[in-house]
Amino acid sequence: MKPGPLNLITDVNGLLVGNAADDTLKSGVTALICQQPATAAVQVLGGAPGTRETDLLEPHNAVEHVDAIAISGGSAFGLDAASGVQAALREQGVGFQTGPFRIPIVPSAIIFDLTNGGDKEWGRYSPYRELGYAAAQSAAKTFDIGTAGAGLGALSATAKGGLGSASVRVGDDITLGALVAVNPMGSVLVGEGPHFWAAPFEIDGEFGGLGLPGEFGGTATDLRIKFRDIKRGRSPQHGANTTIGVIATDAALTKAEAKRLAISAHDGFARAIWPTHTAHDGDLIFAVATGASGKRPDGDQMLDMCAAAGAVTARAIARGVYEAASAPGDVMPAWRKLFGDSTA
């Protein structure tokens, strides 16, 4: 399997992505825009999610399509970002038709980045609605990853987090892509070294080409002790972490099939972050199927897509941390500051 030409979620036809962020705030928003209404679903496995309009994505509920997905920093304040994305789409005449009205459908989720060193004294109203609007307005095929958008202020256990994305071709006519804001309680790195847990899935050295270390340094118990001893920029607390993302495809899927794809994409969290899906994380994945390829996968192809969903999600997570950049006021170092061009 090979990535698409951009190695971004926008290799999936029918999708655009926009970022908006505030360096003083150390937080931001990423908007995934569907150029045509797309089938969508969600799977939540973390213990402390923060969401808007996720119930409508369940297969038994009536709304079949969404117009955008908003992912944001800011904890619960960041849920305002969806209103900004919705406003931008409404101005464009986009949305679910009900009588004379069009209502843009914009499910959203947030990460906790309030204690990352940024200035959160924003006054009466949070800035996330305006950041959401700006993110939607900037949506394009190419976009920045790393310290950008919803990943601007993200952290992990051992290094700065970030916004990651990756894509993969499945067979001749289906593309999958992942977009992830990486802010977990756990670590994406093995022990205290530069190696990524996601290394077995890496393609073309996209996050350093380091592979896995020669040995993992002991038993799972040893790794747990190492993890607990890591000096963190914030103390674990409910809702104070979270990795959120989108798995997308240009295949034509039902809502139930999209949910199955989201479930499978969570395997990428488990492959790339240790530990993951904890009580302190709000981990979730949206699934979006644009149908732009015109391909309706059969059973075998769906199996291949589900396997690829985990792999491409793991790659996106590692890329988010690998591409993070240092900035004034950081409470944790970026991977590149810790390890530079390490190939050890």
Protein backbone atom coordinates (compact mmCIF):
# COMPACT_ATOMS: atom_id res chain seq x y z
CA MET A 1 0.00 0.00 0.00
CA LYS A 2 1.20 3.50 -0.87
CA PRO A 3 0.13 6.97 0.30
CA GLY A 4 -1.75 9.34 -1.94
CA PRO A 5 0.17 12.20 -3.59
CA LEU A 6 -0.14 14.57 -0.60
CA ASN A 7 -0.03 11.96 2.18
CA LEU A 8 -2.88 13.91 3.77
CA ILE A 9 -6.54 13.16 4.44
CA THR A 10 -7.36 15.45 1.49
CA ASP A 11 -6.08 12.74 -0.86
CA VAL A 12 -9.64 11.47 -0.31
CA ASN A 13 -11.62 13.18 -3.05
CA GLY A 14 -14.35 15.47 -1.79
CA LEU A 15 -12.55 16.76 1.31
CA LEU A 16 -10.82 20.02 2.22
CA VAL A 17 -9.12 20.97 5.49
CA GLY A 18 -8.54 24.37 7.05
CA ASN A 19 -6.56 25.39 10.15
CA ALA A 20 -6.80 28.47 12.34
CA ALA A 21 -4.87 29.08 15.54
CA ASP A 22 -3.66 31.72 17.99
CA ASP A 23 -0.03 31.48 19.09
CA THR A 24 -0.67 33.52 22.26
CA LEU A 25 -3.60 31.31 23.16
CA LYS A 26 -1.57 28.20 22.20
CA SER A 27 -4.69 26.63 20.79
CA GLY A 28 -6.61 26.32 17.57
CA VAL A 29 -9.19 24.67 15.36
CA THR A 30 -9.12 22.33 12.38
CA ALA A 31 -12.13 22.07 10.08
CA LEU A 32 -12.68 19.16 7.71
CA ILE A 33 -15.07 20.36 5.00
CA CYS A 34 -17.09 17.97 2.83
CA GLN A 35 -17.50 19.41 -0.65
CA GLN A 36 -20.70 17.37 -0.93
CA PRO A 37 -22.71 15.95 2.00
CA ALA A 38 -20.94 12.81 3.23
CA THR A 39 -21.97 9.74 5.19
CA ALA A 40 -20.51 9.84 8.70
CA ALA A 41 -20.29 7.93 11.96
CA VAL A 42 -18.35 8.09 15.22
CA GLN A 43 -16.84 5.73 17.76
CA VAL A 44 -15.91 6.93 21.27
CA LEU A 45 -13.57 4.76 23.36
CA GLY A 46 -12.04 7.27 25.77
CA GLY A 47 -13.53 7.84 29.19
CA ALA A 48 -13.85 11.63 29.05
CA PRO A 49 -15.12 12.79 25.64
CA GLY A 50 -16.23 16.31 24.77
CA THR A 51 -18.53 16.37 21.74
CA ARG A 52 -21.34 18.09 19.84
CA GLU A 53 -23.89 16.43 17.51
CA THR A 54 -22.44 12.93 17.76
CA ASP A 55 -25.75 11.19 18.60
CA LEU A 56 -27.10 11.94 15.13
CA LEU A 57 -24.24 9.89 13.66
CA GLU A 58 -25.52 6.62 15.09
CA PRO A 59 -26.79 4.32 12.32
CA HIS A 60 -30.33 4.21 13.73
CA ASN A 61 -30.76 8.00 13.66
CA ALA A 62 -32.26 9.94 10.78
CA VAL A 63 -29.64 12.40 9.49
CA GLU A 64 -27.60 10.53 6.88
CA HIS A 65 -24.93 13.07 5.98
CA VAL A 66 -22.69 15.76 7.43
CA ASP A 67 -21.23 18.91 5.89
CA ALA A 68 -18.11 19.24 8.03
CA ILE A 69 -16.29 17.97 11.12
CA ALA A 70 -14.72 20.41 13.58
CA ILE A 71 -11.90 19.40 15.92
CA SER A 72 -10.67 21.95 18.40
CA GLY A 73 -8.56 22.75 21.40
CA GLY A 74 -10.02 24.56 24.37
CA SER A 75 -11.76 21.76 26.25
CA ALA A 76 -15.52 22.40 26.45
CA PHE A 77 -15.00 26.01 25.35
CA GLY A 78 -13.73 24.65 22.03
CA LEU A 79 -17.14 23.25 21.16
CA ASP A 80 -17.95 26.82 20.07
CA ALA A 81 -15.73 26.14 17.04
CA ALA A 82 -18.51 24.18 15.36
CA SER A 83 -20.72 27.28 15.41
CA GLY A 84 -18.05 29.17 13.48
CA VAL A 85 -17.72 26.41 10.89
CA GLN A 86 -21.50 26.26 10.65
CA ALA A 87 -21.68 30.02 10.07
CA ALA A 88 -19.15 29.86 7.24
CA LEU A 89 -21.06 27.04 5.54
CA ARG A 90 -24.41 28.78 5.99
CA GLU A 91 -23.04 31.81 4.17
CA GLN A 92 -22.23 29.46 1.28
CA GLY A 93 -25.77 28.06 1.20
CA VAL A 94 -24.63 24.67 2.49
CA GLY A 95 -26.69 22.49 4.81
CA PHE A 96 -29.50 20.04 5.45
CA GLN A 97 -32.69 21.29 3.81
CA THR A 98 -35.68 21.52 6.10
CA GLY A 99 -38.52 23.66 4.77
CA PRO A 100 -37.09 26.99 3.61
CA PHE A 101 -34.01 26.62 5.83
CA ARG A 102 -30.58 25.06 5.35
CA ILE A 103 -28.83 23.81 8.47
CA PRO A 104 -25.14 22.88 8.13
CA ILE A 105 -24.48 19.67 10.06
CA VAL A 106 -21.12 19.97 11.86
CA PRO A 107 -20.34 17.36 14.52
CA SER A 108 -17.34 18.26 16.63
CA ALA A 109 -14.99 17.14 19.39
CA ILE A 110 -12.37 18.80 21.55
CA ILE A 111 -9.04 18.18 23.26
CA PHE A 112 -7.94 19.63 26.60
CA ASP A 113 -5.09 22.11 26.10
CA LEU A 114 -5.88 24.73 28.75
CA THR A 115 -2.71 24.13 30.83
CA ASN A 116 -0.16 24.24 28.01
CA GLY A 117 1.31 27.66 28.80
CA GLY A 118 -0.94 29.78 26.57
CA ASP A 119 -2.91 32.83 27.67
CA LYS A 120 -6.50 31.67 28.25
CA GLU A 121 -7.76 34.96 29.74
CA TRP A 122 -10.00 35.70 26.75
CA GLY A 123 -12.77 37.62 28.51
CA ARG A 124 -16.49 36.88 28.40
CA TYR A 125 -16.59 34.69 25.28
CA SER A 126 -14.01 32.24 24.07
CA PRO A 127 -12.30 32.80 20.69
CA TYR A 128 -13.17 29.38 19.31
CA ARG A 129 -16.24 30.39 17.30
CA GLU A 130 -14.15 32.88 15.33
CA LEU A 131 -11.30 30.38 14.98
CA GLY A 132 -13.78 27.84 13.63
CA TYR A 133 -15.04 30.35 11.07
CA ALA A 134 -11.48 31.18 9.99
CA ALA A 135 -10.57 27.49 9.73
CA ALA A 136 -13.56 26.81 7.47
CA GLN A 137 -12.76 29.83 5.32
CA SER A 138 -9.17 28.63 4.81
CA ALA A 139 -10.07 25.07 3.82
CA ALA A 140 -7.97 23.71 0.95
CA LYS A 141 -6.38 20.51 -0.37
CA THR A 142 -3.06 21.29 1.31
CA PHE A 143 -2.65 22.25 4.96
CA ASP A 144 -0.03 22.29 7.69
CA ILE A 145 0.47 19.49 10.18
CA GLY A 146 2.43 19.40 13.44
CA THR A 147 2.07 22.63 15.43
CA ALA A 148 -1.02 23.80 13.56
CA GLY A 149 -4.78 24.04 13.94
CA ALA A 150 -6.27 21.90 16.69
CA GLY A 151 -2.79 20.47 17.34
CA LEU A 152 -1.12 23.82 18.04
CA GLY A 153 -1.17 23.39 21.81
CA ALA A 154 -1.34 19.61 22.05
CA LEU A 155 0.91 17.63 24.39
CA SER A 156 1.76 14.00 24.97
CA ALA A 157 3.42 12.22 27.88
CA THR A 158 6.94 12.67 26.52
CA ALA A 159 6.87 15.48 23.94
CA LYS A 160 4.65 18.08 22.31
CA GLY A 161 1.71 16.65 20.45
CA GLY A 162 0.36 18.05 17.22
CA LEU A 163 -1.92 17.69 14.23
CA GLY A 164 -1.16 14.64 12.10
CA SER A 165 -2.43 13.33 8.80
CA ALA A 166 -1.66 10.50 6.39
CA SER A 167 -3.26 8.64 3.50
CA VAL A 168 -3.11 5.26 1.79
CA ARG A 169 -4.40 3.67 -1.40
CA VAL A 170 -6.33 0.43 -0.93
CA GLY A 171 -6.30 -1.47 -4.21
CA ASP A 172 -6.71 0.50 -7.43
CA ASP A 173 -9.72 2.64 -6.65
CA ILE A 174 -10.16 3.39 -2.93
CA THR A 175 -8.28 5.93 -0.83
CA LEU A 176 -8.25 6.22 2.96
CA GLY A 177 -7.00 9.19 4.95
CA ALA A 178 -6.63 10.06 8.63
CA LEU A 179 -6.56 13.40 10.45
CA VAL A 180 -5.69 13.40 14.15
CA ALA A 181 -5.17 15.96 16.93
CA VAL A 182 -2.65 14.14 19.12
CA ASN A 183 -2.94 15.12 22.80
CA PRO A 184 -2.86 11.83 24.75
CA MET A 185 -2.15 11.05 28.37
CA GLY A 186 0.07 8.29 27.00
CA SER A 187 3.23 8.40 24.94
CA VAL A 188 3.74 7.88 21.21
CA LEU A 189 7.40 7.06 21.90
CA VAL A 190 8.95 3.84 23.18
CA GLY A 191 10.39 4.53 26.62
CA GLU A 192 12.50 7.68 26.69
CA GLY A 193 13.99 7.33 23.20
CA PRO A 194 13.09 8.74 19.78
CA HIS A 195 11.38 5.64 18.38
CA PHE A 196 7.68 5.69 17.61
CA TRP A 197 5.31 2.88 18.60
CA ALA A 198 3.81 3.27 15.12
CA ALA A 199 7.11 2.41 13.41
CA PRO A 200 5.96 -0.90 11.85
CA PHE A 201 3.43 1.04 9.74
CA GLU A 202 5.73 3.86 8.59
CA ILE A 203 5.98 4.53 4.85
CA ASP A 204 8.97 6.22 3.18
CA GLY A 205 10.49 7.59 6.40
CA GLU A 206 7.52 9.88 7.03
CA PHE A 207 8.34 10.18 10.74
CA GLY A 208 12.09 9.72 10.74
CA GLY A 209 12.54 6.16 9.51
CA LEU A 210 13.97 5.06 12.86
CA GLY A 211 12.13 1.75 13.14
CA LEU A 212 11.78 0.19 16.58
CA PRO A 213 14.62 0.02 19.11
CA GLY A 214 16.72 -3.14 19.17
CA GLU A 215 15.05 -4.11 22.42
CA PHE A 216 12.13 -2.63 24.28
CA GLY A 217 14.01 -2.48 27.57
CA GLY A 218 12.08 -5.01 29.62
CA THR A 219 8.62 -6.25 30.42
CA ALA A 220 5.30 -4.47 30.18
CA THR A 221 5.58 -3.81 33.92
CA ASP A 222 8.93 -2.09 33.38
CA LEU A 223 7.41 0.07 30.65
CA ARG A 224 4.55 0.99 32.96
CA ILE A 225 6.99 2.12 35.63
CA LYS A 226 8.92 4.16 33.06
CA PHE A 227 5.70 5.77 31.90
CA ARG A 228 4.68 6.72 35.41
CA ASP A 229 8.12 8.23 36.07
CA ILE A 230 8.05 10.43 32.96
CA LYS A 231 8.09 14.13 33.84
CA ARG A 232 4.88 15.52 32.43
CA GLY A 233 3.83 19.07 31.67
CA ARG A 234 0.49 18.46 33.38
CA SER A 235 -0.91 16.02 35.89
CA PRO A 236 -3.36 13.35 34.73
CA GLN A 237 -6.94 14.35 35.44
CA HIS A 238 -10.27 13.47 33.90
CA GLY A 239 -10.79 15.25 30.59
CA ALA A 240 -7.28 16.71 30.60
CA ASN A 241 -5.93 14.83 27.59
CA THR A 242 -7.60 13.27 24.52
CA THR A 243 -6.70 12.25 20.99
CA ILE A 244 -9.42 12.91 18.42
CA GLY A 245 -9.49 12.28 14.72
CA VAL A 246 -11.22 11.48 11.47
CA ILE A 247 -10.83 8.43 9.24
CA ALA A 248 -12.11 9.15 5.74
CA THR A 249 -12.59 7.28 2.49
CA ASP A 250 -13.83 7.98 -1.00
CA ALA A 251 -15.69 4.65 -1.01
CA ALA A 252 -19.49 4.62 -0.75
CA LEU A 253 -20.47 3.35 2.71
CA THR A 254 -23.61 3.13 4.82
CA LYS A 255 -23.61 4.72 8.26
CA ALA A 256 -23.19 1.28 9.82
CA GLU A 257 -20.17 0.53 7.62
CA ALA A 258 -18.71 3.94 8.42
CA LYS A 259 -19.04 3.16 12.12
CA ARG A 260 -17.22 -0.14 11.58
CA LEU A 261 -14.42 1.82 9.86
CA ALA A 262 -14.21 4.17 12.86
CA ILE A 263 -14.03 1.21 15.24
CA SER A 264 -11.17 -0.26 13.21
CA ALA A 265 -9.33 3.07 13.11
CA HIS A 266 -9.13 2.97 16.90
CA ASP A 267 -6.67 0.10 16.43
CA GLY A 268 -4.31 2.80 15.19
CA PHE A 269 -4.55 4.56 18.57
CA ALA A 270 -3.58 1.32 20.28
CA ARG A 271 -0.67 0.80 17.86
CA ALA A 272 0.65 4.35 18.19
CA ILE A 273 -0.05 5.44 21.80
CA TRP A 274 0.68 3.66 25.05
CA PRO A 275 -1.48 3.63 27.08
CA THR A 276 -4.57 4.78 25.21
CA HIS A 277 -8.35 4.91 25.69
CA THR A 278 -7.85 5.68 29.38
CA ALA A 279 -10.34 7.20 31.82
CA HIS A 280 -8.40 10.46 31.45
CA ASP A 281 -8.69 10.61 27.64
CA GLY A 282 -11.72 11.50 25.53
CA ASP A 283 -10.48 9.46 22.58
CA LEU A 284 -12.82 9.28 19.61
CA ILE A 285 -12.75 8.89 15.84
CA PHE A 286 -15.21 10.22 13.29
CA ALA A 287 -15.59 8.30 10.03
CA VAL A 288 -16.48 10.11 6.80
CA ALA A 289 -17.28 8.43 3.47
CA THR A 290 -17.55 10.82 0.52
CA GLY A 291 -18.44 8.15 -2.06
CA ALA A 292 -16.46 10.17 -4.63
CA SER A 293 -14.78 7.05 -6.06
CA GLY A 294 -18.15 5.52 -6.90
CA LYS A 295 -16.82 2.28 -5.42
CA ARG A 296 -19.06 0.16 -3.21
CA PRO A 297 -16.65 -2.23 -1.41
CA ASP A 298 -17.48 -5.91 -1.11
CA GLY A 299 -16.78 -7.94 2.03
CA ASP A 300 -13.12 -8.62 1.26
CA GLN A 301 -12.46 -5.01 0.31
CA MET A 302 -14.14 -3.78 3.49
CA LEU A 303 -11.84 -6.06 5.48
CA ASP A 304 -8.82 -4.54 3.73
CA MET A 305 -10.13 -1.04 4.40
CA CYS A 306 -10.59 -1.74 8.10
CA ALA A 307 -7.03 -3.08 8.38
CA ALA A 308 -5.71 -0.05 6.49
CA ALA A 309 -7.73 2.30 8.73
CA GLY A 310 -5.75 1.26 11.80
CA ALA A 311 -2.42 1.58 10.00
CA VAL A 312 -3.06 5.00 8.46
CA THR A 313 -4.35 6.34 11.79
CA ALA A 314 -1.21 5.15 13.57
CA ARG A 315 0.92 6.89 10.93
CA ALA A 316 -1.03 10.13 11.29
CA ILE A 317 -0.53 10.09 15.06
CA ALA A 318 3.23 9.66 14.75
CA ARG A 319 3.46 12.37 12.09
CA GLY A 320 1.63 14.83 14.35
CA VAL A 321 4.30 14.49 17.02
CA TYR A 322 7.24 14.21 14.60
CA GLU A 323 6.26 17.42 12.77
CA ALA A 324 5.61 19.49 15.93
CA ALA A 325 7.75 22.62 16.22
CA SER A 326 9.15 24.41 19.26
CA ALA A 327 7.54 27.71 20.24
CA PRO A 328 8.05 30.33 22.98
CA GLY A 329 6.45 29.38 26.27
CA ASP A 330 6.33 25.63 25.60
CA VAL A 331 5.83 23.53 28.71
CA MET A 332 7.13 20.42 26.92
CA PRO A 333 9.80 20.05 24.23
CA ALA A 334 9.06 19.13 20.64
CA TRP A 335 10.38 15.78 19.35
CA ARG A 336 12.85 17.59 17.11
CA LYS A 337 14.25 19.55 20.06
CA LEU A 338 14.68 16.32 22.03
CA PHE A 339 16.17 14.21 19.28
CA GLY A 340 17.05 16.45 16.32
CA ASP A 341 17.90 14.31 13.32
CA SER A 342 18.53 11.23 15.46
CA THR A 343 18.74 7.98 13.56
CA ALA A 344 19.65 5.86 16.56
